[in-house]
N, C-alpha and C. Protein backbone atom coordinates (compact mmCIF):
# COMPACT_ATOMS: atom_id res chain seq x y z
N MET A 1 19.44 17.23 11.76
CA MET A 1 18.35 17.26 11.73
C MET A 1 17.09 16.40 12.60
N ASN A 2 15.69 16.62 12.24
CA ASN A 2 15.42 16.08 13.40
C ASN A 2 14.72 14.33 12.78
N LYS A 3 14.11 13.64 12.88
CA LYS A 3 13.16 12.19 13.52
C LYS A 3 12.68 12.66 12.20
N ILE A 4 11.86 14.03 11.88
CA ILE A 4 10.40 14.19 11.51
C ILE A 4 10.63 14.72 10.05
N GLU A 5 12.14 15.07 9.88
CA GLU A 5 12.45 15.68 8.49
C GLU A 5 12.95 14.69 8.08
N GLU A 6 13.93 13.60 8.68
CA GLU A 6 14.27 12.62 7.91
C GLU A 6 13.05 11.66 7.41
N LYS A 7 12.68 11.29 8.11
CA LYS A 7 10.90 10.60 8.26
C LYS A 7 11.11 11.15 6.06
N LYS A 8 10.25 12.66 6.14
CA LYS A 8 9.87 13.90 4.98
C LYS A 8 11.29 13.39 4.27
N VAL A 9 12.01 13.26 4.58
CA VAL A 9 13.29 12.97 3.34
C VAL A 9 12.63 11.76 2.25
N LEU A 10 13.00 10.52 3.60
CA LEU A 10 12.83 8.61 2.59
C LEU A 10 11.60 9.05 1.87
N ILE A 11 10.79 9.75 2.62
CA ILE A 11 9.10 9.42 1.33
C ILE A 11 9.66 10.06 0.30
N LYS A 12 9.74 10.97 0.18
CA LYS A 12 10.16 12.16 -1.11
C LYS A 12 11.20 10.81 -2.23
N ILE A 13 12.30 10.13 -1.22
CA ILE A 13 12.81 9.61 -1.96
C ILE A 13 12.49 8.12 -2.35
N ILE A 14 11.74 7.78 -1.82
CA ILE A 14 10.09 6.44 -2.50
C ILE A 14 9.93 6.89 -3.31
N GLY A 15 9.01 8.33 -3.23
CA GLY A 15 8.55 8.54 -4.33
C GLY A 15 9.28 9.17 -5.16
N ILE A 16 10.05 9.95 -5.59
CA ILE A 16 11.10 10.12 -7.19
C ILE A 16 11.54 8.53 -7.16
N LEU A 17 11.61 7.20 -6.57
CA LEU A 17 12.18 5.94 -6.95
C LEU A 17 10.34 5.01 -7.77
N GLU A 18 9.87 5.27 -6.75
CA GLU A 18 8.63 5.40 -7.38
C GLU A 18 8.29 5.68 -8.79
N SER A 19 8.20 6.78 -9.38
CA SER A 19 8.14 7.50 -10.09
C SER A 19 9.02 7.25 -11.59
N LEU A 20 10.38 7.18 -11.08
CA LEU A 20 11.68 6.64 -11.79
C LEU A 20 10.92 4.91 -12.68
N SER A 21 10.58 4.08 -11.77
CA SER A 21 10.07 2.83 -12.20
C SER A 21 8.46 2.88 -13.23
N TYR A 22 7.84 4.18 -12.80
CA TYR A 22 7.27 4.04 -14.39
C TYR A 22 7.47 4.93 -14.85
N ASN A 23 8.68 5.28 -15.49
CA ASN A 23 8.72 6.22 -16.30
C ASN A 23 8.36 7.48 -16.26
N ALA A 24 7.78 7.88 -14.59
CA ALA A 24 6.97 9.56 -14.90
C ALA A 24 7.32 10.54 -15.33
N ILE A 25 9.05 9.89 -14.48
CA ILE A 25 10.03 11.20 -14.51
C ILE A 25 11.15 10.63 -14.60
N THR A 26 12.20 11.13 -14.96
CA THR A 26 13.91 10.77 -15.94
C THR A 26 14.51 10.53 -15.34
N ILE A 27 16.16 10.29 -14.65
CA ILE A 27 17.09 10.34 -13.79
C ILE A 27 17.47 11.88 -13.75
N PRO A 28 17.63 12.39 -14.48
CA PRO A 28 17.78 14.07 -14.25
C PRO A 28 16.86 14.57 -13.34
N GLU A 29 15.80 14.04 -13.79
CA GLU A 29 15.09 14.97 -13.36
C GLU A 29 15.13 14.69 -11.79
N GLY A 30 15.14 13.22 -11.02
CA GLY A 30 15.20 12.91 -9.84
C GLY A 30 16.59 13.05 -9.23
N GLU A 31 17.60 14.00 -10.31
CA GLU A 31 18.67 14.80 -9.26
C GLU A 31 18.86 16.04 -9.50
N LYS A 32 17.75 16.88 -9.78
CA LYS A 32 17.72 17.87 -9.36
C LYS A 32 17.30 18.03 -8.54
N TYR A 33 16.35 17.15 -7.87
CA TYR A 33 15.04 16.98 -6.69
C TYR A 33 15.41 16.95 -5.26
N ILE A 34 16.71 15.10 -5.32
CA ILE A 34 17.01 14.75 -4.56
C ILE A 34 18.72 14.18 -4.86
N PHE A 35 18.64 13.34 -5.64
CA PHE A 35 19.44 12.83 -5.97
C PHE A 35 21.10 13.53 -6.54
N SER A 36 21.43 14.15 -5.59
CA SER A 36 22.91 14.81 -6.05
C SER A 36 23.77 15.14 -5.07
N PRO A 37 25.03 15.17 -5.40
CA PRO A 37 26.32 15.12 -4.83
C PRO A 37 25.70 16.52 -3.42
N LYS A 38 25.28 17.39 -3.95
CA LYS A 38 25.40 18.65 -3.50
C LYS A 38 24.10 18.60 -2.13
N PHE A 39 23.08 17.63 -2.61
CA PHE A 39 22.17 17.27 -1.81
C PHE A 39 22.56 16.60 -0.20
N SER A 40 23.15 15.33 -0.91
CA SER A 40 23.89 14.17 -0.18
C SER A 40 24.96 14.70 0.72
N LYS A 41 25.52 16.23 0.50
CA LYS A 41 26.23 16.90 1.00
C LYS A 41 25.88 18.04 2.35
N ARG A 42 24.17 18.20 2.06
CA ARG A 42 23.83 18.86 2.96
C ARG A 42 23.04 18.21 3.42
N LEU A 43 23.08 17.06 3.37
CA LEU A 43 22.00 15.56 4.64
C LEU A 43 23.92 15.78 5.67
N ILE A 44 24.87 15.51 4.53
CA ILE A 44 26.28 14.97 6.06
C ILE A 44 25.44 16.09 6.71
N ASP A 45 25.86 17.23 6.16
CA ASP A 45 25.49 18.39 7.41
C ASP A 45 25.12 19.26 7.81
N MET A 46 24.19 18.32 7.88
CA MET A 46 22.07 18.71 8.75
C MET A 46 22.53 17.66 9.59
N ASN A 47 23.70 16.32 9.81
CA ASN A 47 23.51 15.47 10.58
C ASN A 47 22.57 13.96 10.37
N CYS A 48 22.30 14.36 9.06
CA CYS A 48 21.35 13.56 8.90
C CYS A 48 21.72 11.90 9.27
N ASN A 49 20.65 10.78 9.51
CA ASN A 49 20.88 9.55 9.14
C ASN A 49 21.61 8.62 8.38
N LYS A 50 23.29 8.35 8.73
CA LYS A 50 24.14 8.08 7.67
C LYS A 50 22.91 6.89 6.70
N ASN A 51 22.17 6.21 6.98
CA ASN A 51 21.67 4.86 6.11
C ASN A 51 21.12 6.05 5.04
N ILE A 52 20.10 7.14 5.06
CA ILE A 52 19.52 8.19 4.40
C ILE A 52 20.96 8.62 3.30
N ILE A 53 21.89 9.21 4.06
CA ILE A 53 22.80 9.83 2.88
C ILE A 53 23.40 8.13 2.04
N ASP A 54 23.78 7.30 2.32
CA ASP A 54 23.86 5.80 2.06
C ASP A 54 23.02 6.22 0.46
N ILE A 55 21.23 5.59 1.21
CA ILE A 55 20.87 5.71 -0.51
C ILE A 55 20.79 6.87 -1.46
N VAL A 56 20.77 7.98 -0.69
CA VAL A 56 21.04 9.14 -1.66
C VAL A 56 22.38 8.95 -2.42
N GLU A 57 23.32 8.75 -1.65
CA GLU A 57 24.64 8.80 -2.49
C GLU A 57 24.30 7.18 -3.77
N GLU A 58 23.86 6.26 -3.55
CA GLU A 58 23.82 5.50 -4.02
C GLU A 58 22.63 5.31 -5.62
N CYS A 59 21.44 6.90 -4.93
CA CYS A 59 20.96 6.89 -6.18
C CYS A 59 21.52 7.69 -6.98
N CYS A 60 22.19 8.42 -6.71
CA CYS A 60 23.30 9.27 -7.57
C CYS A 60 23.80 8.44 -8.32
N GLU A 61 23.94 6.85 -8.38
CA GLU A 61 24.92 6.30 -9.63
C GLU A 61 23.61 5.78 -10.58
N LEU A 62 22.59 6.38 -10.63
CA LEU A 62 21.45 5.27 -11.09
C LEU A 62 21.86 5.69 -12.60
N GLU A 63 22.29 7.26 -12.73
CA GLU A 63 22.10 7.66 -14.45
C GLU A 63 23.17 7.07 -14.43
N ASP A 64 24.89 6.74 -14.25
CA ASP A 64 25.83 5.26 -14.74
C ASP A 64 25.16 4.48 -14.92
N ILE A 65 24.18 4.08 -14.44
CA ILE A 65 23.89 2.33 -14.50
C ILE A 65 23.17 2.89 -15.75
N GLU A 66 22.21 2.87 -16.16
CA GLU A 66 21.03 3.64 -16.92
C GLU A 66 22.01 3.39 -18.44
N SER A 67 23.22 4.29 -17.91
CA SER A 67 23.84 4.02 -19.41
C SER A 67 25.16 2.97 -19.80
N LEU A 68 24.90 2.70 -18.27
CA LEU A 68 26.58 1.48 -18.38
C LEU A 68 26.17 0.04 -18.81
N ILE A 69 24.79 -0.21 -17.45
CA ILE A 69 24.00 -1.58 -17.65
C ILE A 69 22.53 -1.50 -17.66
N PRO A 70 21.75 -0.76 -18.65
CA PRO A 70 20.62 -0.19 -18.28
C PRO A 70 19.44 -1.67 -17.91
N GLU A 71 20.02 -2.61 -18.75
CA GLU A 71 18.90 -3.91 -18.30
C GLU A 71 18.83 -3.88 -17.28
N LYS A 72 20.28 -3.28 -15.92
CA LYS A 72 20.04 -3.76 -14.19
C LYS A 72 19.19 -2.49 -13.58
N LEU A 73 18.67 -1.30 -14.38
CA LEU A 73 18.30 -0.29 -13.44
C LEU A 73 16.99 -0.42 -12.94
N ASP A 74 16.16 -1.66 -13.45
CA ASP A 74 14.81 -1.52 -12.58
C ASP A 74 15.02 -2.30 -11.74
N GLN A 75 16.11 -3.22 -11.14
CA GLN A 75 16.76 -3.99 -10.20
C GLN A 75 17.40 -3.26 -9.48
N ASN A 76 18.14 -2.30 -9.30
CA ASN A 76 18.29 -1.41 -8.72
C ASN A 76 17.92 -0.56 -7.80
N ILE A 77 16.54 0.36 -8.77
CA ILE A 77 15.60 1.17 -8.59
C ILE A 77 14.94 0.00 -7.42
N ASN A 78 14.08 -1.12 -7.82
CA ASN A 78 13.72 -1.39 -6.92
C ASN A 78 14.12 -1.67 -5.42
N SER A 79 15.21 -2.16 -5.22
CA SER A 79 16.45 -2.50 -4.04
C SER A 79 16.38 -1.01 -4.00
N LEU A 80 16.66 -0.43 -4.26
CA LEU A 80 17.23 1.10 -3.51
C LEU A 80 15.47 1.56 -2.99
N LYS A 81 14.32 1.14 -3.41
CA LYS A 81 12.89 1.42 -2.80
C LYS A 81 13.15 0.70 -1.73
N LEU A 82 13.29 -0.35 -1.71
CA LEU A 82 12.54 -1.43 -0.65
C LEU A 82 13.94 -1.33 0.21
N LYS A 83 14.83 -0.63 0.20
CA LYS A 83 16.36 -0.11 1.56
C LYS A 83 15.60 0.95 1.89
N SER A 84 14.56 2.02 1.14
CA SER A 84 13.92 2.89 2.12
C SER A 84 13.05 2.70 2.73
N ILE A 85 11.71 1.69 2.69
CA ILE A 85 11.48 1.16 2.83
C ILE A 85 11.86 1.17 4.36
N GLU A 86 12.63 -0.17 4.19
CA GLU A 86 13.17 -0.30 5.10
C GLU A 86 13.59 0.93 6.37
N VAL A 87 14.18 1.43 5.54
CA VAL A 87 14.69 2.57 7.14
C VAL A 87 13.83 2.86 7.55
N LEU A 88 13.01 3.60 6.64
CA LEU A 88 11.29 4.24 6.92
C LEU A 88 10.67 3.52 7.83
N LYS A 89 10.60 2.82 7.93
CA LYS A 89 9.85 1.72 9.33
C LYS A 89 10.34 1.45 10.24
N SER A 90 11.73 1.89 10.24
CA SER A 90 12.41 2.34 11.75
C SER A 90 12.25 3.24 12.58
N TYR A 91 11.81 4.11 12.06
CA TYR A 91 11.08 5.58 12.42
C TYR A 91 9.76 5.07 13.58
N ASP A 92 9.33 6.14 14.34
CA ASP A 92 7.90 6.58 15.15
C ASP A 92 7.32 6.99 14.28
N LYS A 93 6.03 6.11 14.84
CA LYS A 93 4.92 6.99 13.81
C LYS A 93 4.51 8.03 14.01
N PHE A 94 4.35 9.26 13.20
CA PHE A 94 4.30 10.54 13.64
C PHE A 94 2.72 10.95 13.75
N ASP A 95 2.46 10.96 14.38
CA ASP A 95 1.42 11.74 14.41
C ASP A 95 0.48 13.19 15.12
N SER A 96 1.39 13.61 15.22
CA SER A 96 0.89 15.55 15.19
C SER A 96 0.71 15.83 13.84
N ARG A 97 -0.07 17.19 13.53
CA ARG A 97 -0.28 17.97 13.12
C ARG A 97 1.38 18.66 11.93
N ASP A 98 1.66 18.60 10.46
CA ASP A 98 2.80 19.61 10.33
C ASP A 98 2.44 19.62 9.02
N TRP A 99 2.09 21.02 8.98
CA TRP A 99 1.01 21.57 7.81
C TRP A 99 3.29 22.30 6.63
N ASN A 100 4.39 21.64 7.23
CA ASN A 100 5.21 21.92 6.18
C ASN A 100 5.21 21.32 4.80
């Protein structure tokens, strides 16, 4: 997976986490977009950055956190969002046009 595609995945992760934090979508919806073991496996198969794979795998646990320790859900979402932003900041800027 190239760096541009990795950045796109990170931006999507951050957007989903932000949407979750505002209750704009549900965790099951987030799972349908990205937060699933199937998507994690796809990232592994595409040789994606391990940090991104780890974040996706942690995001797969949000439903468990919601059901077992709901008082920690917002904290976990925020932590994952910050972790994703830190990884995103490690990438070079992308200045070319990409219409995909």
